[in-house]
Protein backbone atom coordinates (compact mmCIF):
# COMPACT_ATOMS: atom_id res chain seq x y z
CA MET A 1 25.95 45.63 19.23
CA SER A 2 23.93 43.85 21.97
CA PRO A 3 20.77 42.39 20.65
CA THR A 4 18.90 44.22 23.43
CA ASP A 5 20.48 47.64 23.00
CA ALA A 6 17.70 49.45 21.10
CA THR A 7 19.64 52.83 21.19
CA SER A 8 22.76 51.56 19.34
CA PRO A 9 22.99 51.92 15.50
CA PRO A 10 22.73 48.77 13.61
CA PRO A 11 25.94 47.05 12.71
CA SER A 12 27.53 47.62 9.34
CA ILE A 13 26.95 44.61 7.01
CA PRO A 14 28.76 44.35 3.61
CA ASP A 15 26.40 45.28 0.54
CA VAL A 16 23.34 45.35 2.93
CA ASP A 17 21.50 48.16 4.52
CA LEU A 18 19.74 47.18 7.69
CA VAL A 19 16.39 48.70 7.93
CA ARG A 20 14.77 47.52 11.26
CA PRO A 21 14.65 44.38 13.50
CA ILE A 22 11.77 41.99 12.60
CA GLY A 23 12.60 39.20 14.84
CA ARG A 24 14.67 38.19 17.98
CA GLY A 25 16.20 34.95 19.08
CA GLY A 26 18.06 33.79 22.29
CA PHE A 27 21.45 35.33 21.10
CA GLY A 28 20.74 37.37 17.98
CA GLU A 29 18.16 39.36 16.03
CA VAL A 30 16.82 39.14 12.57
CA TRP A 31 16.73 42.36 10.62
CA LEU A 32 14.94 43.38 7.25
CA GLY A 33 17.73 44.38 4.90
CA LEU A 34 18.09 45.89 1.49
CA ASN A 35 20.73 44.88 -1.00
CA ARG A 36 22.52 48.01 -2.03
CA ALA A 37 23.12 46.91 -5.55
CA THR A 38 19.75 45.39 -6.41
CA GLY A 39 17.40 46.89 -3.80
CA ALA A 40 16.02 43.28 -3.08
CA LEU A 41 14.64 42.61 0.50
CA LYS A 42 16.62 40.20 2.66
CA ALA A 43 16.19 38.73 6.17
CA VAL A 44 19.56 39.16 7.82
CA LYS A 45 20.34 37.27 11.10
CA ILE A 46 22.93 38.90 13.21
CA ILE A 47 24.70 37.32 16.18
CA PRO A 48 27.20 39.44 18.06
CA LEU A 49 30.80 37.93 18.44
CA LYS A 50 31.22 39.55 21.80
CA GLY A 51 29.23 40.23 24.99
CA HIS A 52 28.10 36.70 25.94
CA ALA A 53 29.67 34.28 28.40
CA ALA A 54 28.71 31.51 25.99
CA ASP A 55 29.79 31.37 22.30
CA PRO A 56 26.60 31.49 20.35
CA ALA A 57 28.31 32.56 17.10
CA GLY A 58 30.63 29.69 17.35
CA ARG A 59 27.80 27.28 17.89
CA GLU A 60 25.99 28.79 14.99
CA ILE A 61 29.04 28.51 12.72
CA VAL A 62 29.28 24.92 13.50
CA SER A 63 25.63 24.30 12.73
CA LEU A 64 25.93 26.38 9.54
CA ALA A 65 28.91 24.26 8.45
CA GLN A 66 26.93 21.09 8.94
CA LEU A 67 24.17 22.55 6.97
CA GLU A 68 26.37 23.60 4.08
CA SER A 69 28.44 20.41 4.08
CA HIS A 70 25.26 18.30 3.50
CA HIS A 71 23.70 20.81 1.12
CA LEU A 72 20.76 20.58 3.55
CA SER A 73 19.14 24.02 3.20
CA ARG A 74 18.40 23.33 -0.50
CA HIS A 75 15.14 21.99 0.04
CA PRO A 76 11.64 23.46 -0.72
CA HIS A 77 10.61 23.33 2.83
CA LEU A 78 13.76 24.51 4.62
CA LEU A 79 14.58 28.19 4.65
CA ASP A 80 17.51 28.71 2.21
CA ILE A 81 20.61 30.35 3.67
CA GLN A 82 22.20 32.41 0.82
CA HIS A 83 25.22 33.86 2.20
CA VAL A 84 27.13 33.62 5.55
CA GLY A 85 29.80 36.24 6.54
CA ARG A 86 31.36 37.95 9.52
CA THR A 87 32.64 41.41 10.45
CA GLN A 88 34.85 42.45 13.36
CA ASP A 89 31.70 42.59 15.58
CA VAL A 90 29.16 40.08 14.21
CA LEU A 91 28.34 36.86 12.51
CA PHE A 92 25.55 37.27 9.88
CA TYR A 93 23.69 35.37 7.09
CA LEU A 94 21.22 36.36 4.57
CA MET A 95 17.88 34.56 3.77
CA ASP A 96 14.74 35.16 1.89
CA PRO A 97 12.26 37.26 3.86
CA ALA A 98 9.06 35.54 4.97
CA ASP A 99 5.67 36.77 3.46
CA ASP A 100 3.76 39.28 5.26
CA VAL A 101 1.17 38.12 7.84
CA SER A 102 -1.46 39.33 5.34
CA GLY A 103 -0.21 36.60 2.89
CA ARG A 104 1.38 39.09 0.50
CA PRO A 105 5.08 39.10 -0.29
CA ALA A 106 7.55 40.86 2.04
CA THR A 107 7.59 44.62 1.83
CA ASN A 108 9.57 47.57 3.12
CA ASP A 109 6.47 49.10 4.45
CA PRO A 110 6.64 49.85 8.21
CA GLY A 111 3.68 47.67 8.86
CA TYR A 112 5.44 44.50 7.55
CA ARG A 113 5.27 41.48 9.86
CA PRO A 114 6.96 38.27 9.04
CA ALA A 115 4.34 35.43 8.57
CA THR A 116 5.32 32.73 11.07
CA LEU A 117 3.08 29.92 11.95
CA ALA A 118 2.97 31.13 15.47
CA LEU A 119 1.33 34.40 14.24
CA ARG A 120 -0.98 32.39 12.08
CA LEU A 121 -2.12 30.37 14.94
CA GLU A 122 -3.10 33.40 16.90
CA GLN A 123 -6.22 33.39 14.56
CA GLY A 124 -7.15 29.82 15.52
CA PRO A 125 -6.53 26.35 14.08
CA LEU A 126 -5.93 25.79 10.44
CA PRO A 127 -8.69 24.71 8.05
CA SER A 128 -8.62 21.02 7.12
CA ALA A 129 -6.76 21.23 3.90
CA ASP A 130 -4.24 23.78 5.18
CA CYS A 131 -3.65 21.65 8.30
CA LEU A 132 -2.79 18.51 6.24
CA ARG A 133 -0.62 20.51 3.73
CA CYS A 134 1.38 22.44 6.41
CA ALA A 135 1.84 19.20 8.58
CA ARG A 136 3.21 17.50 5.33
CA GLN A 137 5.54 20.54 4.51
CA LEU A 138 6.89 20.49 8.17
CA ALA A 139 7.54 16.81 7.97
CA ALA A 140 9.07 17.02 4.49
CA GLY A 141 11.66 19.50 5.53
CA LEU A 142 12.40 17.69 8.77
CA ALA A 143 12.79 14.49 6.90
CA HIS A 144 15.41 16.05 4.71
CA LEU A 145 17.56 16.88 7.81
CA HIS A 146 16.97 13.50 9.36
CA ALA A 147 18.02 11.75 6.04
CA ALA A 148 21.45 13.22 6.71
CA GLY A 149 21.57 12.23 10.25
CA MET A 150 20.97 15.69 11.60
CA VAL A 151 18.73 16.83 14.46
CA HIS A 152 17.13 20.45 14.29
CA ARG A 153 16.49 20.58 18.17
CA ASP A 154 14.16 23.69 17.88
CA VAL A 155 11.07 22.80 15.88
CA LYS A 156 8.24 25.07 17.01
CA PRO A 157 5.70 27.41 15.34
CA SER A 158 7.88 30.48 15.53
CA ASN A 159 10.59 28.70 13.53
CA CYS A 160 8.15 27.91 10.77
CA LEU A 161 7.97 30.54 8.25
CA PHE A 162 5.80 31.06 5.26
CA VAL A 163 7.64 32.14 2.10
CA GLY A 164 5.77 32.20 -1.16
CA ARG A 165 2.88 30.82 0.90
CA GLU A 166 4.82 27.59 1.49
CA LEU A 167 5.79 26.52 5.00
CA LYS A 168 9.59 26.45 5.50
CA LEU A 169 11.43 25.20 8.69
CA ALA A 170 14.06 27.90 9.72
CA ASP A 171 16.67 28.66 12.46
CA PHE A 172 19.32 26.07 12.24
CA GLY A 173 21.45 27.35 15.12
CA LEU A 174 21.07 24.21 17.18
CA LEU A 175 21.51 21.74 14.23
CA THR A 176 23.70 18.86 15.22
CA PRO A 177 24.21 15.25 14.43
CA ALA A 178 21.82 12.75 15.92
CA SER A 179 22.76 11.12 19.31
CA THR A 180 21.15 9.29 22.21
CA GLY A 181 22.62 11.78 24.70
CA LEU A 182 20.56 14.16 26.85
CA SER A 183 20.36 17.90 26.01
CA ARG A 184 18.99 20.89 27.69
CA LEU A 185 19.19 23.03 24.35
CA GLY A 186 15.83 23.81 22.72
CA THR A 187 12.55 25.17 23.83
CA VAL A 188 11.30 23.43 26.88
CA ARG A 189 7.66 23.10 25.88
CA TYR A 190 8.71 21.29 22.74
CA MET A 191 11.28 18.94 24.24
CA PRO A 192 10.40 15.36 25.06
CA PRO A 193 10.04 14.21 28.60
CA ASP A 194 12.95 11.77 28.42
CA GLY A 195 15.28 14.59 27.35
CA ARG A 196 16.95 12.52 24.56
CA MET A 197 17.33 15.07 21.76
CA ASP A 198 17.62 12.54 18.94
CA LEU A 199 15.54 12.19 15.79
CA ARG A 200 12.47 11.10 17.69
CA ALA A 201 12.90 14.36 19.87
CA ASP A 202 12.30 16.36 16.57
CA VAL A 203 9.41 14.03 15.80
CA TYR A 204 7.99 14.75 19.17
CA ALA A 205 8.19 18.62 18.67
CA ALA A 206 6.75 18.19 15.11
CA GLY A 207 3.88 16.23 16.66
CA LEU A 208 3.05 19.20 19.06
CA VAL A 209 3.38 21.66 16.36
CA ILE A 210 0.89 19.64 14.30
CA TYR A 211 -1.39 19.39 17.24
CA GLU A 212 -1.51 23.22 17.45
CA MET A 213 -2.28 23.54 13.65
CA LEU A 214 -4.98 20.98 14.34
CA THR A 215 -6.71 22.40 17.58
CA GLY A 216 -5.44 26.01 17.84
CA LEU A 217 -4.49 25.13 21.45
CA PRO A 218 -1.02 25.48 23.04
CA ALA A 219 1.33 22.59 23.24
CA GLU A 220 0.69 22.21 26.85
CA ALA A 221 -3.02 21.33 26.20
CA PHE A 222 -1.89 18.13 24.28
CA PRO A 223 -3.85 15.75 23.65
CA ARG A 224 -7.14 17.67 24.47
CA LEU A 225 -9.04 18.65 21.32
CA GLY A 226 -11.09 21.45 22.84
CA GLU A 227 -13.90 23.03 20.91
CA ARG A 228 -12.67 21.39 17.65
CA ALA A 229 -13.31 17.85 18.89
CA ARG A 230 -16.59 17.20 16.94
CA GLU A 231 -15.30 18.84 13.87
CA ILE A 232 -12.17 16.57 13.95
CA ALA A 233 -14.21 13.43 14.61
CA ALA A 234 -16.51 14.29 11.67
CA ASP A 235 -13.75 15.32 9.25
CA PRO A 236 -11.69 12.15 7.92
CA VAL A 237 -8.66 14.46 7.03
CA LEU A 238 -8.55 16.08 10.50
CA ALA A 239 -9.10 12.74 12.24
CA HIS A 240 -6.20 11.32 10.29
CA VAL A 241 -3.91 14.30 11.27
CA ASN A 242 -4.85 13.71 14.79
CA ARG A 243 -4.03 10.13 14.86
CA VAL A 244 -0.58 11.02 13.42
CA ALA A 245 0.00 13.94 16.05
CA LEU A 246 -0.92 11.44 18.85
CA ARG A 247 1.73 9.04 17.87
CA ALA A 248 4.26 11.57 16.93
CA ALA A 249 4.04 13.47 20.32
CA ASN A 250 3.75 10.16 22.40
CA ARG A 251 5.58 10.46 25.71
CA ASP A 252 6.99 6.99 25.14
CA HIS A 253 10.16 7.38 23.20
CA HIS A 254 9.75 4.09 21.38
CA ALA A 255 6.10 4.71 20.52
CA ARG A 256 6.79 7.64 18.29
CA PHE A 257 7.86 7.52 14.64
CA ALA A 258 11.57 6.62 14.49
CA HIS A 259 12.35 9.67 12.23
CA ALA A 260 10.60 12.46 10.18
CA GLY A 261 10.68 10.24 7.07
CA ASP A 262 8.23 7.79 8.93
CA LEU A 263 6.19 10.67 9.97
CA LEU A 264 5.96 12.07 6.42
CA THR A 265 4.88 8.47 5.22
CA ALA A 266 2.20 8.47 7.87
CA ILE A 267 0.77 11.88 6.97
CA ASP A 268 0.79 10.81 3.24
CA ALA A 269 -1.22 7.69 3.96
CA PRO A 270 -4.73 8.28 3.02
CA PRO A 271 -7.44 7.78 5.70
CA PRO A 272 -9.84 4.85 5.07
CA LEU A 273 -12.84 5.80 2.93
CA ASP A 274 -15.41 4.95 5.54
CA ARG A 275 -14.09 7.23 8.24
CA ARG A 276 -16.24 10.04 7.08
CA ALA A 277 -19.20 8.12 8.33
CA ARG A 278 -17.73 6.78 11.49
CA ALA A 279 -17.77 10.05 13.64
CA TRP A 280 -16.57 10.14 17.25
CA PRO A 281 -19.47 8.73 19.09
CA TRP A 282 -20.14 9.62 22.80
CA ALA A 283 -20.44 6.22 24.33
CA ALA A 284 -23.98 5.67 25.59
CA GLY A 285 -24.53 4.69 29.27
CA VAL A 286 -21.30 6.29 30.41
CA ALA A 287 -22.04 10.08 29.94
CA ALA A 288 -21.88 10.67 33.70
CA ALA A 289 -18.42 9.32 34.02
CA GLY A 290 -17.23 11.37 30.93
CA LEU A 291 -16.01 8.46 28.97
CA ALA A 292 -15.67 8.80 25.20
CA ILE A 293 -14.58 5.86 22.83
CA ALA A 294 -13.62 7.02 19.31
CA ALA A 295 -14.16 4.15 16.90
CA LEU A 296 -12.02 5.62 14.03
CA GLY A 297 -10.54 2.59 12.46
CA LEU A 298 -11.02 -0.64 10.78
CA PRO A 299 -9.37 -3.98 11.98
CA TRP A 300 -5.52 -3.64 12.04
CA PRO A 301 -3.98 -4.75 8.66
CA GLY A 302 -2.33 -8.13 9.17
CA GLY A 303 -4.13 -8.71 12.45
CA GLY A 304 -1.61 -11.19 13.64
CA ARG A 305 0.70 -8.28 14.37
CA GLY A 306 -1.57 -6.76 16.78
CA VAL A 307 -3.35 -3.46 16.72
CA GLU A 308 -2.38 0.03 17.66
CA VAL A 309 -4.58 2.06 20.09
CA ASN A 310 -4.24 5.63 21.54
CA PHE A 311 -5.14 5.87 25.34
CA VAL A 312 -5.91 9.44 26.58
CA THR A 313 -6.99 10.70 29.90
CA ARG A 314 -7.92 14.27 30.43
CA THR A 315 -5.96 14.04 33.72
CA PHE A 316 -2.48 12.93 32.37
CA GLU A 317 -0.22 10.37 33.79
CA ALA A 318 -2.67 7.51 34.45
CA GLU A 319 -1.43 4.02 34.03
CA VAL A 320 -3.11 2.09 31.34
CA LEU A 321 -4.27 -1.39 32.34
CA LEU A 322 -5.44 -4.18 29.90
CA ASP A 323 -7.26 -7.08 31.40
CA GLY A 324 -5.99 -5.86 34.76
CA LYS A 325 -2.20 -5.73 33.68
CA PRO A 326 -0.24 -2.50 33.10
CA LEU A 327 0.78 -1.90 29.50
CA ARG A 328 4.61 -1.40 29.00
CA GLY A 329 6.58 0.18 26.28
CA ARG A 330 9.45 -1.54 24.51
CA ASP A 331 11.83 -0.18 27.19
CA GLY A 332 9.71 -2.06 29.83
CA ALA A 333 8.48 1.09 31.35
CA VAL A 334 4.80 1.26 32.35
CA LEU A 335 2.79 3.32 29.82
CA THR A 336 1.05 6.34 31.08
CA SER A 337 -1.66 8.51 29.28
CA PRO A 338 -1.42 9.99 26.81
CA CYS A 339 0.34 7.22 24.94
CA THR A 340 0.11 4.92 21.86
CA ALA A 341 0.36 1.13 22.44
CA THR A 342 1.26 -1.11 19.52
CA GLY A 343 1.01 -4.73 19.00
CA LEU A 344 -2.06 -5.14 21.25
CA PRO A 345 -4.00 -8.41 20.83
CA ALA A 346 -7.24 -7.70 18.82
CA GLY A 347 -10.68 -8.47 20.34
CA VAL A 348 -12.62 -7.40 23.31
CA HIS A 349 -10.52 -6.36 26.46
CA ARG A 350 -11.25 -4.65 29.71
CA VAL A 351 -9.58 -1.30 29.80
CA MET A 352 -8.90 0.55 33.00
CA PHE A 353 -6.87 3.65 33.93
CA ARG A 354 -5.12 4.26 37.27
CA HIS A 355 -4.06 7.58 38.44
CA PRO A 356 -2.17 8.26 41.53
CA GLN A 357 -4.52 11.10 42.64
CA ARG A 358 -7.78 10.24 40.88
CA GLY A 359 -7.87 6.56 41.54
CA THR A 360 -8.99 3.83 39.15
CA PHE A 361 -11.42 4.33 36.26
CA ASP A 362 -12.89 1.34 34.61
CA ALA A 363 -13.52 2.05 30.93
CA GLY A 364 -15.33 -1.30 30.48
CA ALA A 365 -14.89 -3.91 27.84
CA ILE A 366 -13.79 -2.46 24.51
CA ASP A 367 -13.32 -4.16 21.23
CA LEU A 368 -9.76 -3.20 20.12
CA THR A 369 -10.53 -4.76 16.70
CA LYS A 370 -12.77 -1.60 16.05
CA VAL A 371 -11.48 0.99 18.53
CA ARG A 372 -8.43 2.91 17.86
CA LYS A 373 -8.62 5.55 20.59
CA VAL A 374 -9.92 5.44 24.18
CA VAL A 375 -10.49 8.64 25.99
CA ALA A 376 -11.48 8.84 29.71
CA ASP A 377 -12.22 11.60 32.26
CA TRP A 378 -13.02 10.94 35.91
């Protein structure tokens, strides 16, 4: 059966009656199914073995074999694959169905819609506690894959399901061992600009997903905070999640967390207690220029190692200059906004942004001992 052929009867699956499609991927569909013996509801992914120039079923089998060999799906924040099989026409596998979008358990009711993070975000950003909890659950599931040296390659809101109200990362069809090679597989908006689909690529995608949880904005809007900016600045939990997302989704490959385990550690690190009182102040005297400086941190621990500062311009791709010299990443490339620079010398420095179309913007003298984020707009 072709995934797009709505007039064809569903394929025959051993021991399962297929009820109706509830999702669609690039090469296959997900159906709601009923176990004939127990009546239990199952989500059934079906990939045709014929009808494609590529071999999606073969790729899926390889990925599922990797998943099984490392026992990777047995994690509370990865969707568990319970059975894999094939008929003459299709590859299929069985999973627990997602909750209904209402938050109730899955049902055979015709109105049932699987609860994905993508559907949840259509209602707006997540509340503070939910944002932190879901960010942690996503990072925990991803960290389990990374610990085995595997890359998911398709982290996005539609692949984050809620089962028993817990977020679970799903769809392992592109799972592969980590490498430094370039890849075109995945979803473009969540792929890093350098094209290296390694562990840091998953971190980049997770950072964008966390950003969407935080702001309710699409990934393309990163790092703007939109209408939630003041709430994020005033809420120490949201401000903490924002700092984590900024580093995770940094365009500079080496500035990101090395793997999801580091991302999880950063999420679990509690924000300093005094951040509740240190809201995002709109810098006096520069309102006409549209410059905002967020003083969201204390002196960097172990000051001899330097400080970490986020640089953001609302027109992207501006070079960042510190005391007249361009900042560079570990690979020697000039850093452009948005970016996170690490190891900067503490103290007062002149910060400037140079954009190819907008020209140079002088942000003035800024004390990097206190400031962790510089945001500018021409």
